[in-house]
C-alpha atoms as a PDB file:
ATOM      1  CA  MET A   1     -45.270  22.485  47.397  1.00  0.00           C
ATOM      2  CA  LEU A   2     -47.997  20.375  45.824  1.00  0.00           C
ATOM      3  CA  SER A   3     -50.867  22.035  43.997  1.00  0.00           C
ATOM      4  CA  ASP A   4     -54.070  22.530  45.929  1.00  0.00           C
ATOM      5  CA  PRO A   5     -56.669  20.347  44.189  1.00  0.00           C
ATOM      6  CA  SER A   6     -59.537  22.517  45.387  1.00  0.00           C
ATOM      7  CA  GLU A   7     -62.285  23.306  42.926  1.00  0.00           C
ATOM      8  CA  PRO A   8     -62.158  26.336  40.621  1.00  0.00           C
ATOM      9  CA  ARG A   9     -64.130  29.394  41.646  1.00  0.00           C
ATOM     10  CA  SER A  10     -66.493  28.831  38.719  1.00  0.00           C
ATOM     11  CA  GLY A  11     -67.175  25.361  40.065  1.00  0.00           C
ATOM     12  CA  ARG A  12     -68.091  26.754  43.464  1.00  0.00           C
ATOM     13  CA  LEU A  13     -70.363  29.375  41.937  1.00  0.00           C
ATOM     14  CA  ALA A  14     -72.132  26.889  39.667  1.00  0.00           C
ATOM     15  CA  ALA A  15     -72.527  24.214  42.347  1.00  0.00           C
ATOM     16  CA  TRP A  16     -73.836  26.524  45.063  1.00  0.00           C
ATOM     17  CA  GLY A  17     -75.754  28.630  42.568  1.00  0.00           C
ATOM     18  CA  ASN A  18     -77.551  25.487  41.471  1.00  0.00           C
ATOM     19  CA  ALA A  19     -78.183  24.497  45.090  1.00  0.00           C
ATOM     20  CA  LEU A  20     -79.742  27.929  45.617  1.00  0.00           C
ATOM     21  CA  LEU A  21     -81.929  27.558  42.529  1.00  0.00           C
ATOM     22  CA  ALA A  22     -83.031  24.131  43.752  1.00  0.00           C
ATOM     23  CA  GLY A  23     -84.009  25.571  47.145  1.00  0.00           C
ATOM     24  CA  ALA A  24     -81.437  23.402  48.945  1.00  0.00           C
ATOM     25  CA  VAL A  25     -79.587  26.337  50.560  1.00  0.00           C
ATOM     26  CA  SER A  26     -80.306  29.924  51.545  1.00  0.00           C
ATOM     27  CA  PRO A  27     -78.955  32.898  49.549  1.00  0.00           C
ATOM     28  CA  ASP A  28     -76.569  33.854  52.343  1.00  0.00           C
ATOM     29  CA  ASP A  29     -75.230  30.300  52.730  1.00  0.00           C
ATOM     30  CA  ALA A  30     -74.709  30.027  48.970  1.00  0.00           C
ATOM     31  CA  ALA A  31     -72.812  33.327  48.828  1.00  0.00           C
ATOM     32  CA  GLU A  32     -70.643  32.380  51.809  1.00  0.00           C
ATOM     33  CA  ALA A  33     -69.717  29.039  50.243  1.00  0.00           C
ATOM     34  CA  ILE A  34     -68.878  30.644  46.888  1.00  0.00           C
ATOM     35  CA  VAL A  35     -66.613  33.260  48.483  1.00  0.00           C
ATOM     36  CA  GLY A  36     -64.780  30.598  50.495  1.00  0.00           C
ATOM     37  CA  ASP A  37     -61.390  31.850  51.671  1.00  0.00           C
ATOM     38  CA  ASP A  38     -61.487  34.936  49.432  1.00  0.00           C
ATOM     39  CA  ALA A  39     -62.122  38.364  50.925  1.00  0.00           C
ATOM     40  CA  VAL A  40     -65.016  39.420  48.720  1.00  0.00           C
ATOM     41  CA  HIS A  41     -66.791  38.603  45.451  1.00  0.00           C
ATOM     42  CA  ARG A  42     -68.636  41.206  43.394  1.00  0.00           C
ATOM     43  CA  VAL A  43     -70.473  41.085  40.075  1.00  0.00           C
ATOM     44  CA  VAL A  44     -70.029  43.821  37.473  1.00  0.00           C
ATOM     45  CA  GLY A  45     -72.039  44.447  34.325  1.00  0.00           C
ATOM     46  CA  LEU A  46     -75.233  43.015  35.791  1.00  0.00           C
ATOM     47  CA  PRO A  47     -78.323  44.144  33.823  1.00  0.00           C
ATOM     48  CA  GLY A  48     -80.058  46.968  35.636  1.00  0.00           C
ATOM     49  CA  GLU A  49     -77.031  47.885  37.786  1.00  0.00           C
ATOM     50  CA  SER A  50     -74.556  50.691  37.132  1.00  0.00           C
ATOM     51  CA  GLY A  51     -71.851  49.363  39.449  1.00  0.00           C
ATOM     52  CA  PRO A  52     -70.605  46.256  41.242  1.00  0.00           C
ATOM     53  CA  VAL A  53     -73.074  44.314  43.403  1.00  0.00           C
ATOM     54  CA  GLY A  54     -72.771  41.468  45.879  1.00  0.00           C
ATOM     55  CA  LEU A  55     -73.322  37.814  45.059  1.00  0.00           C
ATOM     56  CA  THR A  56     -76.641  37.521  46.843  1.00  0.00           C
ATOM     57  CA  LEU A  57     -78.211  40.336  44.834  1.00  0.00           C
ATOM     58  CA  ALA A  58     -76.570  39.200  41.592  1.00  0.00           C
ATOM     59  CA  LEU A  59     -77.715  35.580  41.818  1.00  0.00           C
ATOM     60  CA  GLY A  60     -81.239  36.701  42.680  1.00  0.00           C
ATOM     61  CA  ARG A  61     -81.332  39.165  39.794  1.00  0.00           C
ATOM     62  CA  LEU A  62     -80.068  36.589  37.295  1.00  0.00           C
ATOM     63  CA  ARG A  63     -82.702  34.148  38.511  1.00  0.00           C
ATOM     64  CA  SER A  64     -85.389  36.759  37.918  1.00  0.00           C
ATOM     65  CA  LEU A  65     -83.965  37.255  34.415  1.00  0.00           C
ATOM     66  CA  GLY A  66     -84.602  33.598  33.646  1.00  0.00           C
ATOM     67  CA  VAL A  67     -81.478  31.677  34.701  1.00  0.00           C
ATOM     68  CA  ARG A  68     -82.629  28.201  35.779  1.00  0.00           C
ATOM     69  CA  GLY A  69     -79.237  26.586  36.215  1.00  0.00           C
ATOM     70  CA  TRP A  70     -75.504  27.095  35.915  1.00  0.00           C
ATOM     71  CA  ARG A  71     -72.946  25.252  33.811  1.00  0.00           C
ATOM     72  CA  VAL A  72     -69.157  25.372  34.160  1.00  0.00           C
ATOM     73  CA  ALA A  73     -66.600  25.956  31.419  1.00  0.00           C
ATOM     74  CA  LEU A  74     -62.916  25.092  31.960  1.00  0.00           C
ATOM     75  CA  PRO A  75     -61.319  25.970  28.616  1.00  0.00           C
ATOM     76  CA  VAL A  76     -57.618  25.832  27.790  1.00  0.00           C
ATOM     77  CA  PRO A  77     -55.859  26.642  24.490  1.00  0.00           C
ATOM     78  CA  GLY A  78     -57.007  24.137  21.888  1.00  0.00           C
ATOM     79  CA  HIS A  79     -59.866  22.822  24.020  1.00  0.00           C
ATOM     80  CA  PRO A  80     -62.898  25.148  24.486  1.00  0.00           C
ATOM     81  CA  LEU A  81     -64.414  22.860  27.118  1.00  0.00           C
ATOM     82  CA  GLY A  82     -67.891  24.024  28.134  1.00  0.00           C
ATOM     83  CA  LEU A  83     -68.043  27.113  25.914  1.00  0.00           C
ATOM     84  CA  SER A  84     -70.857  27.969  23.516  1.00  0.00           C
ATOM     85  CA  GLY A  85     -69.950  31.475  22.303  1.00  0.00           C
ATOM     86  CA  PRO A  86     -70.058  34.213  21.274  1.00  0.00           C
ATOM     87  CA  PRO A  87     -66.354  34.829  20.496  1.00  0.00           C
ATOM     88  CA  GLU A  88     -65.967  37.671  23.017  1.00  0.00           C
ATOM     89  CA  PHE A  89     -67.223  35.549  25.902  1.00  0.00           C
ATOM     90  CA  ASN A  90     -65.074  32.622  24.757  1.00  0.00           C
ATOM     91  CA  ARG A  91     -62.009  34.867  24.629  1.00  0.00           C
ATOM     92  CA  ARG A  92     -62.546  36.200  28.146  1.00  0.00           C
ATOM     93  CA  ALA A  93     -63.258  32.732  29.520  1.00  0.00           C
ATOM     94  CA  LEU A  94     -60.138  31.333  27.871  1.00  0.00           C
ATOM     95  CA  GLU A  95     -58.039  34.089  29.425  1.00  0.00           C
ATOM     96  CA  ALA A  96     -59.400  33.160  32.860  1.00  0.00           C
ATOM     97  CA  GLU A  97     -59.441  29.407  32.028  1.00  0.00           C
ATOM     98  CA  GLU A  98     -62.879  29.215  33.622  1.00  0.00           C
ATOM     99  CA  ALA A  99     -66.396  30.652  33.501  1.00  0.00           C
ATOM    100  CA  VAL A 100     -70.002  29.893  34.394  1.00  0.00           C
ATOM    101  CA  VAL A 101     -72.741  29.857  31.766  1.00  0.00           C
ATOM    102  CA  GLY A 102     -76.393  30.392  32.563  1.00  0.00           C
ATOM    103  CA  TYR A 103     -79.060  27.916  31.439  1.00  0.00           C
ATOM    104  CA  GLY A 104     -82.437  29.413  30.563  1.00  0.00           C
ATOM    105  CA  ALA A 105     -81.165  32.941  29.921  1.00  0.00           C
ATOM    106  CA  PRO A 106     -78.198  34.224  27.867  1.00  0.00           C
ATOM    107  CA  TYR A 107     -75.865  35.323  30.670  1.00  0.00           C
ATOM    108  CA  GLY A 108     -72.440  34.132  31.736  1.00  0.00           C
ATOM    109  CA  LEU A 109     -69.912  35.144  34.383  1.00  0.00           C
ATOM    110  CA  VAL A 110     -66.118  35.261  34.054  1.00  0.00           C
ATOM    111  CA  PRO A 111     -63.952  35.767  37.161  1.00  0.00           C
ATOM    112  CA  GLN A 112     -61.169  38.314  37.440  1.00  0.00           C
ATOM    113  CA  VAL A 113     -58.983  37.634  40.478  1.00  0.00           C
ATOM    114  CA  HIS A 114     -57.006  40.409  42.187  1.00  0.00           C
ATOM    115  CA  GLU A 115     -54.749  40.542  45.230  1.00  0.00           C
ATOM    116  CA  ALA A 116     -55.186  43.562  47.472  1.00  0.00           C
ATOM    117  CA  GLY A 117     -53.683  44.826  50.694  1.00  0.00           C
ATOM    118  CA  SER A 118     -50.153  45.403  51.936  1.00  0.00           C
ATOM    119  CA  PRO A 119     -47.247  42.924  51.841  1.00  0.00           C
ATOM    120  CA  GLY A 120     -47.773  40.332  54.520  1.00  0.00           C
ATOM    121  CA  ASP A 121     -51.483  41.080  54.663  1.00  0.00           C
ATOM    122  CA  LEU A 122     -52.689  40.259  51.151  1.00  0.00           C
ATOM    123  CA  HIS A 123     -56.227  39.138  50.452  1.00  0.00           C
ATOM    124  CA  VAL A 124     -58.040  38.017  47.314  1.00  0.00           C
ATOM    125  CA  GLU A 125     -60.878  39.936  45.709  1.00  0.00           C
ATOM    126  CA  VAL A 126     -62.874  38.439  42.831  1.00  0.00           C
ATOM    127  CA  GLY A 127     -64.872  40.413  40.291  1.00  0.00           C
ATOM    128  CA  TRP A 128     -67.310  38.415  38.162  1.00  0.00           C
ATOM    129  CA  GLU A 129     -68.003  40.087  34.829  1.00  0.00           C
ATOM    130  CA  CYS A 130     -71.507  39.451  33.503  1.00  0.00           C
ATOM    131  CA  LEU A 131     -71.483  38.983  29.719  1.00  0.00           C
ATOM    132  CA  SER A 132     -73.867  37.790  27.035  1.00  0.00           C
ATOM    133  CA  VAL A 133     -73.587  34.142  26.011  1.00  0.00           C
ATOM    134  CA  ARG A 134     -75.011  32.099  23.172  1.00  0.00           C
ATOM    135  CA  GLU A 135     -77.714  29.658  24.218  1.00  0.00           C
ATOM    136  CA  ALA A 136     -76.348  26.465  22.678  1.00  0.00           C
ATOM    137  CA  MET A 137     -74.916  23.127  23.731  1.00  0.00           C
ATOM    138  CA  PRO A 138     -71.513  23.587  25.408  1.00  0.00           C
ATOM    139  CA  ALA A 139     -68.441  22.260  23.644  1.00  0.00           C
ATOM    140  CA  ASP A 140     -67.142  18.756  24.400  1.00  0.00           C
ATOM    141  CA  VAL A 141     -68.985  18.165  27.688  1.00  0.00           C
ATOM    142  CA  PRO A 142     -69.865  14.472  28.178  1.00  0.00           C
ATOM    143  CA  SER A 143     -72.911  13.188  29.989  1.00  0.00           C
ATOM    144  CA  LEU A 144     -72.363  12.115  33.577  1.00  0.00           C
ATOM    145  CA  GLY A 145     -72.497   8.456  32.556  1.00  0.00           C
ATOM    146  CA  GLU A 146     -69.950   8.961  29.776  1.00  0.00           C
ATOM    147  CA  ALA A 147     -67.666  10.860  32.121  1.00  0.00           C
ATOM    148  CA  GLU A 148     -67.767   8.083  34.704  1.00  0.00           C
ATOM    149  CA  ARG A 149     -66.770   5.470  32.135  1.00  0.00           C
ATOM    150  CA  GLU A 150     -63.991   7.679  30.741  1.00  0.00           C
ATOM    151  CA  LEU A 151     -62.668   8.339  34.238  1.00  0.00           C
ATOM    152  CA  ALA A 152     -62.428   4.670  35.143  1.00  0.00           C
ATOM    153  CA  GLU A 153     -60.276   4.094  32.067  1.00  0.00           C
ATOM    154  CA  GLY A 154     -58.374   7.332  32.707  1.00  0.00           C
ATOM    155  CA  LEU A 155     -57.434   6.274  36.216  1.00  0.00           C
ATOM    156  CA  ARG A 156     -56.063   2.969  34.905  1.00  0.00           C
ATOM    157  CA  GLU A 157     -54.135   4.810  32.187  1.00  0.00           C
ATOM    158  CA  ALA A 158     -52.746   7.333  34.662  1.00  0.00           C
ATOM    159  CA  THR A 159     -51.522   4.610  37.000  1.00  0.00           C
ATOM    160  CA  ALA A 160     -49.932   2.646  34.162  1.00  0.00           C
ATOM    161  CA  THR A 161     -48.385   5.759  32.609  1.00  0.00           C
ATOM    162  CA  LEU A 162     -46.822   6.941  35.852  1.00  0.00           C
ATOM    163  CA  SER A 163     -45.397   3.502  36.465  1.00  0.00           C
ATOM    164  CA  GLN A 164     -43.932   3.248  32.956  1.00  0.00           C
ATOM    165  CA  LEU A 165     -42.371   6.697  33.186  1.00  0.00           C
ATOM    166  CA  ASP A 166     -41.035   6.045  36.688  1.00  0.00           C
ATOM    167  CA  VAL A 167     -42.766   9.189  37.918  1.00  0.00           C
ATOM    168  CA  ALA A 168     -42.659   9.822  41.645  1.00  0.00           C
ATOM    169  CA  ALA A 169     -46.410  10.225  42.006  1.00  0.00           C
ATOM    170  CA  SER A 170     -47.091   7.127  44.016  1.00  0.00           C
ATOM    171  CA  GLY A 171     -46.123   5.828  47.410  1.00  0.00           C
ATOM    172  CA  PRO A 172     -46.191   7.689  50.757  1.00  0.00           C
ATOM    173  CA  VAL A 173     -45.907  11.219  49.358  1.00  0.00           C
ATOM    174  CA  ALA A 174     -48.813  10.802  46.965  1.00  0.00           C
ATOM    175  CA  GLU A 175     -50.926   9.023  49.553  1.00  0.00           C
ATOM    176  CA  ALA A 176     -50.276  11.813  52.059  1.00  0.00           C
ATOM    177  CA  ALA A 177     -51.366  14.407  49.503  1.00  0.00           C
ATOM    178  CA  ILE A 178     -54.524  12.473  48.676  1.00  0.00           C
ATOM    179  CA  ASP A 179     -55.300  12.020  52.393  1.00  0.00           C
ATOM    180  CA  ALA A 180     -54.869  15.779  52.929  1.00  0.00           C
ATOM    181  CA  TYR A 181     -57.261  16.476  50.064  1.00  0.00           C
ATOM    182  CA  ARG A 182     -59.828  14.093  51.520  1.00  0.00           C
ATOM    183  CA  ALA A 183     -59.521  15.793  54.927  1.00  0.00           C
ATOM    184  CA  ARG A 184     -60.245  19.173  53.332  1.00  0.00           C
ATOM    185  CA  ALA A 185     -63.233  17.746  51.494  1.00  0.00           C
ATOM    186  CA  GLU A 186     -64.624  16.179  54.663  1.00  0.00           C
ATOM    187  CA  ALA A 187     -64.195  19.481  56.453  1.00  0.00           C
ATOM    188  CA  GLY A 188     -66.437  21.094  53.849  1.00  0.00           C
ATOM    189  CA  ARG A 189     -63.739  23.098  52.069  1.00  0.00           C
ATOM    190  CA  ALA A 190     -64.301  21.348  48.769  1.00  0.00           C
ATOM    191  CA  GLY A 191     -66.968  19.298  47.121  1.00  0.00           C
ATOM    192  CA  LEU A 192     -70.260  19.617  45.345  1.00  0.00           C
ATOM    193  CA  ALA A 193     -73.085  21.506  46.974  1.00  0.00           C
ATOM    194  CA  PRO A 194     -76.250  20.021  48.522  1.00  0.00           C
ATOM    195  CA  GLY A 195     -78.769  18.618  46.061  1.00  0.00           C
ATOM    196  CA  TYR A 196     -76.346  16.978  43.645  1.00  0.00           C
ATOM    197  CA  PRO A 197     -77.006  13.272  42.958  1.00  0.00           C
ATOM    198  CA  PRO A 198     -74.610  10.668  44.431  1.00  0.00           C
ATOM    199  CA  ARG A 199     -73.327   9.764  40.970  1.00  0.00           C
ATOM    200  CA  ALA A 200     -72.256  13.353  40.332  1.00  0.00           C
ATOM    201  CA  VAL A 201     -70.446  13.454  43.672  1.00  0.00           C
ATOM    202  CA  ARG A 202     -68.712  10.169  42.837  1.00  0.00           C
ATOM    203  CA  VAL A 203     -67.593  11.431  39.412  1.00  0.00           C
ATOM    204  CA  TRP A 204     -66.394  14.735  40.869  1.00  0.00           C
ATOM    205  CA  GLU A 205     -64.349  12.997  43.571  1.00  0.00           C
ATOM    206  CA  LEU A 206     -62.780  10.580  41.107  1.00  0.00           C
ATOM    207  CA  ALA A 207     -61.958  13.451  38.730  1.00  0.00           C
ATOM    208  CA  GLN A 208     -60.256  15.247  41.613  1.00  0.00           C
ATOM    209  CA  ARG A 209     -58.214  12.135  42.405  1.00  0.00           C
ATOM    210  CA  VAL A 210     -57.098  11.694  38.786  1.00  0.00           C
ATOM    211  CA  GLY A 211     -56.292  15.402  38.557  1.00  0.00           C
ATOM    212  CA  LEU A 212     -54.256  15.196  41.755  1.00  0.00           C
ATOM    213  CA  LEU A 213     -52.238  12.265  40.426  1.00  0.00           C
ATOM    214  CA  VAL A 214     -51.458  14.252  37.270  1.00  0.00           C
ATOM    215  CA  SER A 215     -50.510  17.306  39.355  1.00  0.00           C
ATOM    216  CA  LEU A 216     -48.186  15.197  41.498  1.00  0.00           C
ATOM    217  CA  ALA A 217     -46.573  13.779  38.385  1.00  0.00           C
ATOM    218  CA  TYR A 218     -45.943  17.212  36.884  1.00  0.00           C
ATOM    219  CA  GLU A 219     -44.607  18.744  40.081  1.00  0.00           C
ATOM    220  CA  ARG A 220     -42.508  15.899  41.451  1.00  0.00           C
ATOM    221  CA  GLY A 221     -41.131  14.749  38.107  1.00  0.00           C
ATOM    222  CA  HIS A 222     -39.456  11.465  37.311  1.00  0.00           C
ATOM    223  CA  GLY A 223     -38.019   9.162  39.872  1.00  0.00           C
ATOM    224  CA  GLY A 224     -34.564   9.761  38.422  1.00  0.00           C
ATOM    225  CA  ALA A 225     -35.053  11.006  34.868  1.00  0.00           C
ATOM    226  CA  VAL A 226     -34.656  14.696  34.173  1.00  0.00           C
ATOM    227  CA  SER A 227     -33.835  14.982  30.474  1.00  0.00           C
ATOM    228  CA  ALA A 228     -35.873  17.291  28.249  1.00  0.00           C
ATOM    229  CA  ALA A 229     -36.929  14.350  26.090  1.00  0.00           C
ATOM    230  CA  GLU A 230     -38.199  12.432  29.099  1.00  0.00           C
ATOM    231  CA  MET A 231     -40.047  15.472  30.418  1.00  0.00           C
ATOM    232  CA  ALA A 232     -41.694  15.921  27.025  1.00  0.00           C
ATOM    233  CA  ALA A 233     -42.702  12.256  27.022  1.00  0.00           C
ATOM    234  CA  ARG A 234     -44.244  12.666  30.450  1.00  0.00           C
ATOM    235  CA  GLY A 235     -46.307  15.655  29.325  1.00  0.00           C
ATOM    236  CA  GLU A 236     -47.427  13.905  26.140  1.00  0.00           C
ATOM    237  CA  ALA A 237     -48.511  10.815  28.077  1.00  0.00           C
ATOM    238  CA  LEU A 238     -50.346  12.716  30.808  1.00  0.00           C
ATOM    239  CA  ARG A 239     -52.152  15.251  28.614  1.00  0.00           C
ATOM    240  CA  PRO A 240     -55.011  12.908  27.560  1.00  0.00           C
ATOM    241  CA  VAL A 241     -55.539  11.827  31.179  1.00  0.00           C
ATOM    242  CA  GLU A 242     -55.653  15.441  32.331  1.00  0.00           C
ATOM    243  CA  ARG A 243     -58.213  16.203  29.603  1.00  0.00           C
ATOM    244  CA  VAL A 244     -60.434  13.322  30.728  1.00  0.00           C
ATOM    245  CA  ALA A 245     -60.318  14.580  34.318  1.00  0.00           C
ATOM    246  CA  ARG A 246     -61.299  18.131  33.279  1.00  0.00           C
ATOM    247  CA  ARG A 247     -64.160  16.847  31.125  1.00  0.00           C
ATOM    248  CA  ALA A 248     -65.438  14.731  34.001  1.00  0.00           C
ATOM    249  CA  ARG A 249     -65.214  17.580  36.485  1.00  0.00           C
ATOM    250  CA  VAL A 250     -67.290  19.799  34.186  1.00  0.00           C
ATOM    251  CA  ALA A 251     -69.806  16.984  33.643  1.00  0.00           C
ATOM    252  CA  ALA A 252     -70.237  16.643  37.403  1.00  0.00           C
ATOM    253  CA  TYR A 253     -70.845  20.361  37.918  1.00  0.00           C
ATOM    254  CA  ASN A 254     -73.203  20.462  34.929  1.00  0.00           C
ATOM    255  CA  SER A 255     -75.238  17.431  35.998  1.00  0.00           C
ATOM    256  CA  TYR A 256     -77.821  19.713  37.617  1.00  0.00           C
ATOM    257  CA  VAL A 257     -78.598  21.268  34.238  1.00  0.00           C
ATOM    258  CA  GLU A 258     -78.405  17.824  32.622  1.00  0.00           C
ATOM    259  CA  GLY A 259     -81.186  16.777  34.964  1.00  0.00           C
ATOM    260  CA  LEU A 260     -83.273  19.830  34.051  1.00  0.00           C
ATOM    261  CA  GLU A 261     -82.908  19.001  30.370  1.00  0.00           C
ATOM    262  CA  ARG A 262     -84.082  15.434  30.995  1.00  0.00           C
ATOM    263  CA  GLY A 263     -86.944  16.658  33.153  1.00  0.00           C
ATOM    264  CA  VAL A 264     -85.610  14.921  36.240  1.00  0.00           C
END
């Protein structure tokens, strides 16, 4: 089965959290969109609360504490994308491979995902841990304009690389996967929240497309080559393209805060 290219939970929280801060959606609509297909989301460690609270209360409380916007971090080993410290927050975010970082107040949220229920009736529960963050520029996040230029080149490189490696990530199977992704996006299951500028939406969609091509390449393999050396060559060639797509995705989510910093 092909990977679902849907956005990370931190992306949903940042995008809809920003839409809420901008007054583009109601608290209930924002919380519903963030939860998505999960059963429930709760926030633990929120200042002033002794136990877990719901998203609506948590987002309102963090706003009252000074959060004016949300950034996304999508770190992986060797690439602390979007992180600004301190070490404890970075460590937890790296374990989860995602986090949201508040702008305007030193708070961040890291998701912990759990399956609950009986076999055959499992559901997903998400606990967001509220931790202190360092108020500093996030690591390695390009501007939206830089990300768009990098993505255009990345898409060309991905197409050329897959062709050279004879990777089965093109043709009817790939097109069907991309069409399915687009159908989900049009149905409102994925995408940036209301209030984001058209350029951010364009960068996000292109980053998703590049990421999907990379995912197809990893999962479907070579057209006929299966040796360890050829698999290593595929990974080495695709890694820079995957990195560009992750950087662009984060830039798109973070464009709301980028606009605040520019006074737009």
